[in-house]
Amino acid sequence: MKTEKKKAVSLLVTGTTATQNKLHSKAYLKSGLLSRRQAKIKQRLSQIPKLHQAIYKKAVSGKSRKDAIKAFCLMCFCWQKEEVRQCTDLACPLYPYRAYTEAENHSDNRISFGAESKNNERGYIG
């Protein structure tokens, strides 16, 4: 990191204000970080099964939080969907949001307004 700062300082344009110099060095460091991140993503993609690469690409692009959670859980269990379903780490902050769980697991907490709702017995108007 120190060598990158030295490079950023050496790239500074002479005769500019200190604020402009700081902006130039931050932009350089940011671009260096971006290229290192892209290299790491490319390296990790080579290790991911082809079936899950699209999920990982959407996750690292920042376009889908859902896919970010899905990719994290899959990485945790070596890309095995069934293992994600059977996750027992109740202390994991993503446990309630993990992918590949049955929809009925979450239906107990939802209010249904159907004619034959179980919520009618609990005092909800449906």
N, C-alpha and C. Protein backbone atom coordinates (compact mmCIF):
# COMPACT_ATOMS: atom_id res chain seq x y z
N MET A 1 0.83 -1.18 0.00
CA MET A 1 0.00 0.00 0.00
C MET A 1 0.88 1.25 0.00
N LYS A 2 2.01 1.21 0.70
CA LYS A 2 2.88 2.37 0.76
C LYS A 2 3.45 2.69 -0.61
N THR A 3 3.78 1.65 -1.40
CA THR A 3 4.32 1.90 -2.74
C THR A 3 3.27 2.54 -3.63
N GLU A 4 2.00 2.17 -3.43
CA GLU A 4 0.94 2.79 -4.22
C GLU A 4 0.79 4.26 -3.87
N LYS A 5 0.93 4.59 -2.58
CA LYS A 5 0.85 5.98 -2.18
C LYS A 5 2.00 6.78 -2.79
N LYS A 6 3.19 6.18 -2.82
CA LYS A 6 4.33 6.87 -3.42
C LYS A 6 4.10 7.11 -4.90
N LYS A 7 3.53 6.10 -5.58
CA LYS A 7 3.22 6.26 -7.00
C LYS A 7 2.19 7.36 -7.20
N ALA A 8 1.19 7.39 -6.31
CA ALA A 8 0.15 8.41 -6.43
C ALA A 8 0.74 9.79 -6.22
N VAL A 9 1.64 9.91 -5.26
CA VAL A 9 2.28 11.21 -5.01
C VAL A 9 3.15 11.61 -6.20
N SER A 10 3.83 10.64 -6.80
CA SER A 10 4.69 10.97 -7.93
C SER A 10 3.89 11.37 -9.16
N LEU A 11 2.62 10.97 -9.21
CA LEU A 11 1.78 11.33 -10.34
C LEU A 11 1.14 12.70 -10.21
N LEU A 12 1.30 13.31 -9.05
CA LEU A 12 0.66 14.59 -8.82
C LEU A 12 1.17 15.64 -9.79
N VAL A 13 0.27 16.44 -10.22
CA VAL A 13 0.61 17.49 -11.16
C VAL A 13 1.16 18.68 -10.39
N THR A 14 2.28 19.17 -10.82
CA THR A 14 2.87 20.33 -10.13
C THR A 14 2.09 21.59 -10.50
N GLY A 15 2.06 22.52 -9.57
CA GLY A 15 1.37 23.77 -9.80
C GLY A 15 -0.12 23.70 -9.52
N THR A 16 -0.61 22.63 -8.90
CA THR A 16 -2.03 22.52 -8.58
C THR A 16 -2.21 22.70 -7.07
N THR A 17 -3.41 22.89 -6.66
CA THR A 17 -3.69 23.07 -5.24
C THR A 17 -3.59 21.74 -4.51
N ALA A 18 -3.51 21.83 -3.20
CA ALA A 18 -3.41 20.62 -2.38
C ALA A 18 -4.66 19.76 -2.52
N THR A 19 -5.83 20.41 -2.63
CA THR A 19 -7.08 19.67 -2.79
C THR A 19 -7.08 18.88 -4.09
N GLN A 20 -6.63 19.49 -5.17
CA GLN A 20 -6.57 18.80 -6.44
C GLN A 20 -5.58 17.63 -6.37
N ASN A 21 -4.47 17.83 -5.68
CA ASN A 21 -3.49 16.76 -5.52
C ASN A 21 -4.09 15.58 -4.78
N LYS A 22 -4.87 15.87 -3.73
CA LYS A 22 -5.51 14.79 -2.97
C LYS A 22 -6.51 14.04 -3.85
N LEU A 23 -7.25 14.76 -4.67
CA LEU A 23 -8.22 14.11 -5.56
C LEU A 23 -7.52 13.20 -6.56
N HIS A 24 -6.40 13.67 -7.09
CA HIS A 24 -5.65 12.85 -8.04
C HIS A 24 -5.14 11.57 -7.38
N SER A 25 -4.59 11.69 -6.17
CA SER A 25 -4.05 10.50 -5.50
C SER A 25 -5.16 9.53 -5.11
N LYS A 26 -6.33 10.06 -4.67
CA LYS A 26 -7.45 9.18 -4.33
C LYS A 26 -7.95 8.43 -5.56
N ALA A 27 -8.03 9.12 -6.68
CA ALA A 27 -8.49 8.47 -7.91
C ALA A 27 -7.53 7.36 -8.32
N TYR A 28 -6.24 7.60 -8.19
CA TYR A 28 -5.25 6.58 -8.53
C TYR A 28 -5.39 5.37 -7.62
N LEU A 29 -5.49 5.63 -6.32
CA LEU A 29 -5.62 4.52 -5.37
C LEU A 29 -6.91 3.75 -5.61
N LYS A 30 -7.99 4.46 -5.91
CA LYS A 30 -9.26 3.80 -6.17
C LYS A 30 -9.17 2.92 -7.41
N SER A 31 -8.53 3.42 -8.46
CA SER A 31 -8.41 2.61 -9.68
C SER A 31 -7.52 1.39 -9.43
N GLY A 32 -6.50 1.53 -8.59
CA GLY A 32 -5.65 0.40 -8.24
C GLY A 32 -6.43 -0.64 -7.46
N LEU A 33 -7.26 -0.18 -6.55
CA LEU A 33 -8.10 -1.09 -5.77
C LEU A 33 -9.10 -1.80 -6.67
N LEU A 34 -9.67 -1.06 -7.61
CA LEU A 34 -10.64 -1.63 -8.53
C LEU A 34 -10.01 -2.73 -9.38
N SER A 35 -8.82 -2.49 -9.89
CA SER A 35 -8.18 -3.51 -10.73
C SER A 35 -7.79 -4.74 -9.91
N ARG A 36 -7.38 -4.54 -8.66
CA ARG A 36 -7.05 -5.69 -7.79
C ARG A 36 -8.32 -6.49 -7.49
N ARG A 37 -9.44 -5.78 -7.26
CA ARG A 37 -10.70 -6.45 -6.99
C ARG A 37 -11.14 -7.27 -8.19
N GLN A 38 -11.02 -6.69 -9.39
CA GLN A 38 -11.40 -7.41 -10.59
C GLN A 38 -10.54 -8.65 -10.79
N ALA A 39 -9.27 -8.56 -10.46
CA ALA A 39 -8.38 -9.72 -10.57
C ALA A 39 -8.79 -10.82 -9.60
N LYS A 40 -9.14 -10.43 -8.37
CA LYS A 40 -9.58 -11.41 -7.37
C LYS A 40 -10.90 -12.07 -7.79
N ILE A 41 -11.81 -11.26 -8.35
CA ILE A 41 -13.10 -11.80 -8.81
C ILE A 41 -12.88 -12.81 -9.93
N LYS A 42 -12.00 -12.48 -10.85
CA LYS A 42 -11.70 -13.38 -11.97
C LYS A 42 -11.10 -14.69 -11.45
N GLN A 43 -10.20 -14.57 -10.47
CA GLN A 43 -9.58 -15.75 -9.89
C GLN A 43 -10.63 -16.63 -9.20
N ARG A 44 -11.53 -16.01 -8.43
CA ARG A 44 -12.55 -16.78 -7.73
C ARG A 44 -13.52 -17.41 -8.71
N LEU A 45 -13.88 -16.69 -9.79
CA LEU A 45 -14.79 -17.25 -10.79
C LEU A 45 -14.24 -18.54 -11.39
N SER A 46 -12.93 -18.62 -11.53
CA SER A 46 -12.34 -19.84 -12.09
C SER A 46 -12.51 -21.03 -11.16
N GLN A 47 -12.80 -20.78 -9.88
CA GLN A 47 -12.95 -21.85 -8.90
C GLN A 47 -14.42 -22.23 -8.66
N ILE A 48 -15.34 -21.45 -9.21
CA ILE A 48 -16.77 -21.65 -8.97
C ILE A 48 -17.35 -22.54 -10.06
N PRO A 49 -18.21 -23.49 -9.69
CA PRO A 49 -18.87 -24.31 -10.71
C PRO A 49 -19.65 -23.42 -11.69
N LYS A 50 -19.65 -23.80 -12.95
CA LYS A 50 -20.30 -23.00 -14.00
C LYS A 50 -21.78 -22.74 -13.69
N LEU A 51 -22.42 -23.66 -13.03
CA LEU A 51 -23.82 -23.52 -12.66
C LEU A 51 -24.08 -22.28 -11.80
N HIS A 52 -23.12 -21.90 -10.97
CA HIS A 52 -23.30 -20.81 -10.02
C HIS A 52 -22.56 -19.53 -10.40
N GLN A 53 -21.87 -19.52 -11.51
CA GLN A 53 -21.09 -18.34 -11.89
C GLN A 53 -21.96 -17.12 -12.16
N ALA A 54 -23.13 -17.30 -12.74
CA ALA A 54 -24.01 -16.16 -13.03
C ALA A 54 -24.48 -15.49 -11.74
N ILE A 55 -24.79 -16.29 -10.73
CA ILE A 55 -25.21 -15.75 -9.43
C ILE A 55 -24.07 -14.93 -8.83
N TYR A 56 -22.87 -15.48 -8.89
CA TYR A 56 -21.71 -14.78 -8.32
C TYR A 56 -21.45 -13.47 -9.07
N LYS A 57 -21.56 -13.49 -10.39
CA LYS A 57 -21.33 -12.26 -11.18
C LYS A 57 -22.33 -11.18 -10.81
N LYS A 58 -23.61 -11.54 -10.67
CA LYS A 58 -24.61 -10.56 -10.27
C LYS A 58 -24.33 -10.04 -8.86
N ALA A 59 -23.88 -10.92 -7.99
CA ALA A 59 -23.60 -10.54 -6.61
C ALA A 59 -22.46 -9.53 -6.52
N VAL A 60 -21.37 -9.79 -7.21
CA VAL A 60 -20.21 -8.88 -7.12
C VAL A 60 -20.41 -7.61 -7.92
N SER A 61 -21.39 -7.60 -8.82
CA SER A 61 -21.65 -6.38 -9.58
C SER A 61 -22.45 -5.38 -8.75
N GLY A 62 -23.03 -5.84 -7.64
CA GLY A 62 -23.80 -4.96 -6.78
C GLY A 62 -25.22 -4.75 -7.27
N LYS A 63 -25.67 -5.54 -8.24
CA LYS A 63 -27.00 -5.37 -8.80
C LYS A 63 -28.08 -6.14 -8.05
N SER A 64 -27.69 -7.12 -7.24
CA SER A 64 -28.69 -7.96 -6.60
C SER A 64 -28.24 -8.36 -5.20
N ARG A 65 -28.93 -7.83 -4.20
CA ARG A 65 -28.63 -8.23 -2.82
C ARG A 65 -29.04 -9.68 -2.58
N LYS A 66 -30.13 -10.07 -3.21
CA LYS A 66 -30.61 -11.45 -3.09
C LYS A 66 -29.53 -12.42 -3.57
N ASP A 67 -28.94 -12.13 -4.72
CA ASP A 67 -27.89 -13.00 -5.25
C ASP A 67 -26.61 -12.91 -4.43
N ALA A 68 -26.38 -11.77 -3.80
CA ALA A 68 -25.21 -11.65 -2.92
C ALA A 68 -25.35 -12.58 -1.72
N ILE A 69 -26.53 -12.62 -1.15
CA ILE A 69 -26.78 -13.53 -0.02
C ILE A 69 -26.69 -14.98 -0.48
N LYS A 70 -27.29 -15.25 -1.63
CA LYS A 70 -27.27 -16.61 -2.18
C LYS A 70 -25.83 -17.06 -2.44
N ALA A 71 -25.04 -16.19 -3.05
CA ALA A 71 -23.65 -16.53 -3.36
C ALA A 71 -22.84 -16.74 -2.08
N PHE A 72 -23.07 -15.89 -1.07
CA PHE A 72 -22.34 -16.03 0.19
C PHE A 72 -22.65 -17.38 0.83
N CYS A 73 -23.94 -17.73 0.89
CA CYS A 73 -24.33 -19.00 1.50
C CYS A 73 -23.76 -20.19 0.71
N LEU A 74 -23.81 -20.10 -0.61
CA LEU A 74 -23.25 -21.18 -1.43
C LEU A 74 -21.75 -21.31 -1.23
N MET A 75 -21.05 -20.19 -1.14
CA MET A 75 -19.60 -20.24 -0.90
C MET A 75 -19.30 -20.89 0.44
N CYS A 76 -20.13 -20.57 1.44
CA CYS A 76 -19.94 -21.11 2.79
C CYS A 76 -20.03 -22.64 2.79
N PHE A 77 -20.88 -23.18 1.90
CA PHE A 77 -21.09 -24.63 1.85
C PHE A 77 -20.55 -25.26 0.58
N CYS A 78 -19.49 -24.69 0.04
CA CYS A 78 -18.81 -25.25 -1.14
C CYS A 78 -19.77 -25.49 -2.31
N TRP A 79 -20.68 -24.56 -2.52
CA TRP A 79 -21.56 -24.54 -3.67
C TRP A 79 -22.55 -25.71 -3.70
N GLN A 80 -22.97 -26.16 -2.52
CA GLN A 80 -23.93 -27.25 -2.41
C GLN A 80 -25.27 -26.70 -1.92
N LYS A 81 -26.28 -26.65 -2.80
CA LYS A 81 -27.59 -26.09 -2.44
C LYS A 81 -28.22 -26.83 -1.26
N GLU A 82 -28.12 -28.12 -1.26
CA GLU A 82 -28.74 -28.91 -0.20
C GLU A 82 -28.14 -28.57 1.17
N GLU A 83 -26.86 -28.31 1.20
CA GLU A 83 -26.21 -27.93 2.45
C GLU A 83 -26.71 -26.57 2.95
N VAL A 84 -26.99 -25.65 2.02
CA VAL A 84 -27.53 -24.35 2.40
C VAL A 84 -28.91 -24.54 3.03
N ARG A 85 -29.71 -25.42 2.45
CA ARG A 85 -31.05 -25.71 3.00
C ARG A 85 -30.95 -26.23 4.44
N GLN A 86 -29.92 -27.02 4.71
CA GLN A 86 -29.78 -27.66 6.01
C GLN A 86 -28.90 -26.88 6.98
N CYS A 87 -28.62 -25.64 6.67
CA CYS A 87 -27.75 -24.81 7.51
C CYS A 87 -28.26 -24.77 8.95
N THR A 88 -27.36 -24.96 9.88
CA THR A 88 -27.72 -24.95 11.29
C THR A 88 -27.04 -23.82 12.06
N ASP A 89 -26.35 -22.93 11.37
CA ASP A 89 -25.65 -21.83 12.03
C ASP A 89 -26.64 -20.71 12.36
N LEU A 90 -27.31 -20.86 13.47
CA LEU A 90 -28.34 -19.91 13.87
C LEU A 90 -27.76 -18.53 14.20
N ALA A 91 -26.47 -18.47 14.46
CA ALA A 91 -25.83 -17.19 14.79
C ALA A 91 -25.41 -16.41 13.53
N CYS A 92 -25.50 -17.03 12.37
CA CYS A 92 -25.13 -16.35 11.13
C CYS A 92 -26.11 -15.20 10.88
N PRO A 93 -25.62 -14.00 10.58
CA PRO A 93 -26.53 -12.88 10.34
C PRO A 93 -27.40 -13.07 9.09
N LEU A 94 -27.00 -13.95 8.20
CA LEU A 94 -27.78 -14.19 6.99
C LEU A 94 -28.72 -15.38 7.11
N TYR A 95 -28.73 -16.03 8.26
CA TYR A 95 -29.56 -17.23 8.43
C TYR A 95 -31.02 -17.00 8.06
N PRO A 96 -31.66 -15.93 8.50
CA PRO A 96 -33.08 -15.75 8.13
C PRO A 96 -33.30 -15.47 6.65
N TYR A 97 -32.24 -15.07 5.95
CA TYR A 97 -32.38 -14.68 4.55
C TYR A 97 -31.79 -15.69 3.58
N ARG A 98 -31.31 -16.81 4.09
CA ARG A 98 -30.61 -17.77 3.22
C ARG A 98 -31.52 -18.29 2.12
N ALA A 99 -30.90 -18.63 1.03
CA ALA A 99 -31.61 -19.09 -0.16
C ALA A 99 -31.96 -20.57 -0.04
N TYR A 100 -32.80 -21.01 -0.96
CA TYR A 100 -33.15 -22.42 -1.14
C TYR A 100 -33.90 -22.99 0.05
N THR A 101 -34.61 -22.16 0.81
CA THR A 101 -35.42 -22.67 1.90
C THR A 101 -36.86 -22.77 1.41
N GLU A 102 -37.62 -23.60 2.07
CA GLU A 102 -39.01 -23.81 1.69
C GLU A 102 -39.82 -22.55 1.99
N ALA A 103 -40.72 -22.19 1.13
CA ALA A 103 -41.56 -21.01 1.33
C ALA A 103 -42.47 -21.18 2.54
N GLU A 104 -42.87 -22.41 2.83
CA GLU A 104 -43.78 -22.61 3.95
C GLU A 104 -43.11 -22.35 5.29
N ASN A 105 -41.79 -22.37 5.35
CA ASN A 105 -41.09 -22.04 6.60
C ASN A 105 -41.39 -20.62 7.04
N HIS A 106 -41.63 -19.73 6.09
CA HIS A 106 -41.82 -18.33 6.40
C HIS A 106 -43.29 -17.93 6.42
N SER A 107 -44.17 -18.80 5.98
CA SER A 107 -45.58 -18.44 5.86
C SER A 107 -46.27 -18.29 7.21
N ASP A 108 -45.75 -18.88 8.26
CA ASP A 108 -46.39 -18.79 9.57
C ASP A 108 -46.40 -17.36 10.10
N ASN A 109 -45.44 -16.54 9.69
CA ASN A 109 -45.34 -15.19 10.20
C ASN A 109 -46.14 -14.18 9.37
N ARG A 110 -46.70 -14.62 8.29
CA ARG A 110 -47.41 -13.70 7.40
C ARG A 110 -48.90 -13.74 7.68
N ILE A 111 -49.54 -12.62 7.47
CA ILE A 111 -50.99 -12.54 7.64
C ILE A 111 -51.63 -12.86 6.31
N SER A 112 -52.58 -13.79 6.32
CA SER A 112 -53.30 -14.14 5.12
C SER A 112 -54.70 -13.56 5.21
N PHE A 113 -55.16 -12.99 4.12
CA PHE A 113 -56.48 -12.40 4.11
C PHE A 113 -57.46 -13.24 3.31
N GLY A 114 -57.16 -14.52 3.12
CA GLY A 114 -58.04 -15.42 2.39
C GLY A 114 -59.27 -15.78 3.22
N ALA A 115 -60.30 -16.31 2.56
CA ALA A 115 -61.55 -16.65 3.23
C ALA A 115 -61.35 -17.74 4.27
N GLU A 116 -60.45 -18.67 4.01
CA GLU A 116 -60.24 -19.77 4.94
C GLU A 116 -58.91 -19.60 5.66
N SER A 117 -58.63 -18.40 6.05
CA SER A 117 -57.37 -18.08 6.69
C SER A 117 -57.30 -18.64 8.10
N LYS A 118 -56.12 -19.13 8.46
CA LYS A 118 -55.89 -19.57 9.83
C LYS A 118 -55.86 -18.36 10.76
N ASN A 119 -55.61 -17.18 10.19
CA ASN A 119 -55.54 -15.97 10.99
C ASN A 119 -56.89 -15.57 11.57
N ASN A 120 -57.98 -16.04 11.00
CA ASN A 120 -59.31 -15.73 11.54
C ASN A 120 -59.43 -16.24 12.97
N GLU A 121 -58.83 -17.38 13.24
CA GLU A 121 -58.89 -17.95 14.58
C GLU A 121 -58.09 -17.12 15.59
N ARG A 122 -57.12 -16.37 15.08
CA ARG A 122 -56.27 -15.56 15.95
C ARG A 122 -56.79 -14.15 16.13
N GLY A 123 -57.94 -13.85 15.55
CA GLY A 123 -58.53 -12.54 15.74
C GLY A 123 -58.29 -11.57 14.59
N TYR A 124 -57.66 -12.02 13.53
CA TYR A 124 -57.46 -11.16 12.38
C TYR A 124 -58.72 -11.17 11.52
N ILE A 125 -59.04 -10.06 10.94
CA ILE A 125 -60.18 -9.98 10.06
C ILE A 125 -59.73 -10.35 8.67
N GLY A 126 -60.36 -11.31 8.03
CA GLY A 126 -59.92 -11.74 6.72
C GLY A 126 -60.99 -11.92 5.73
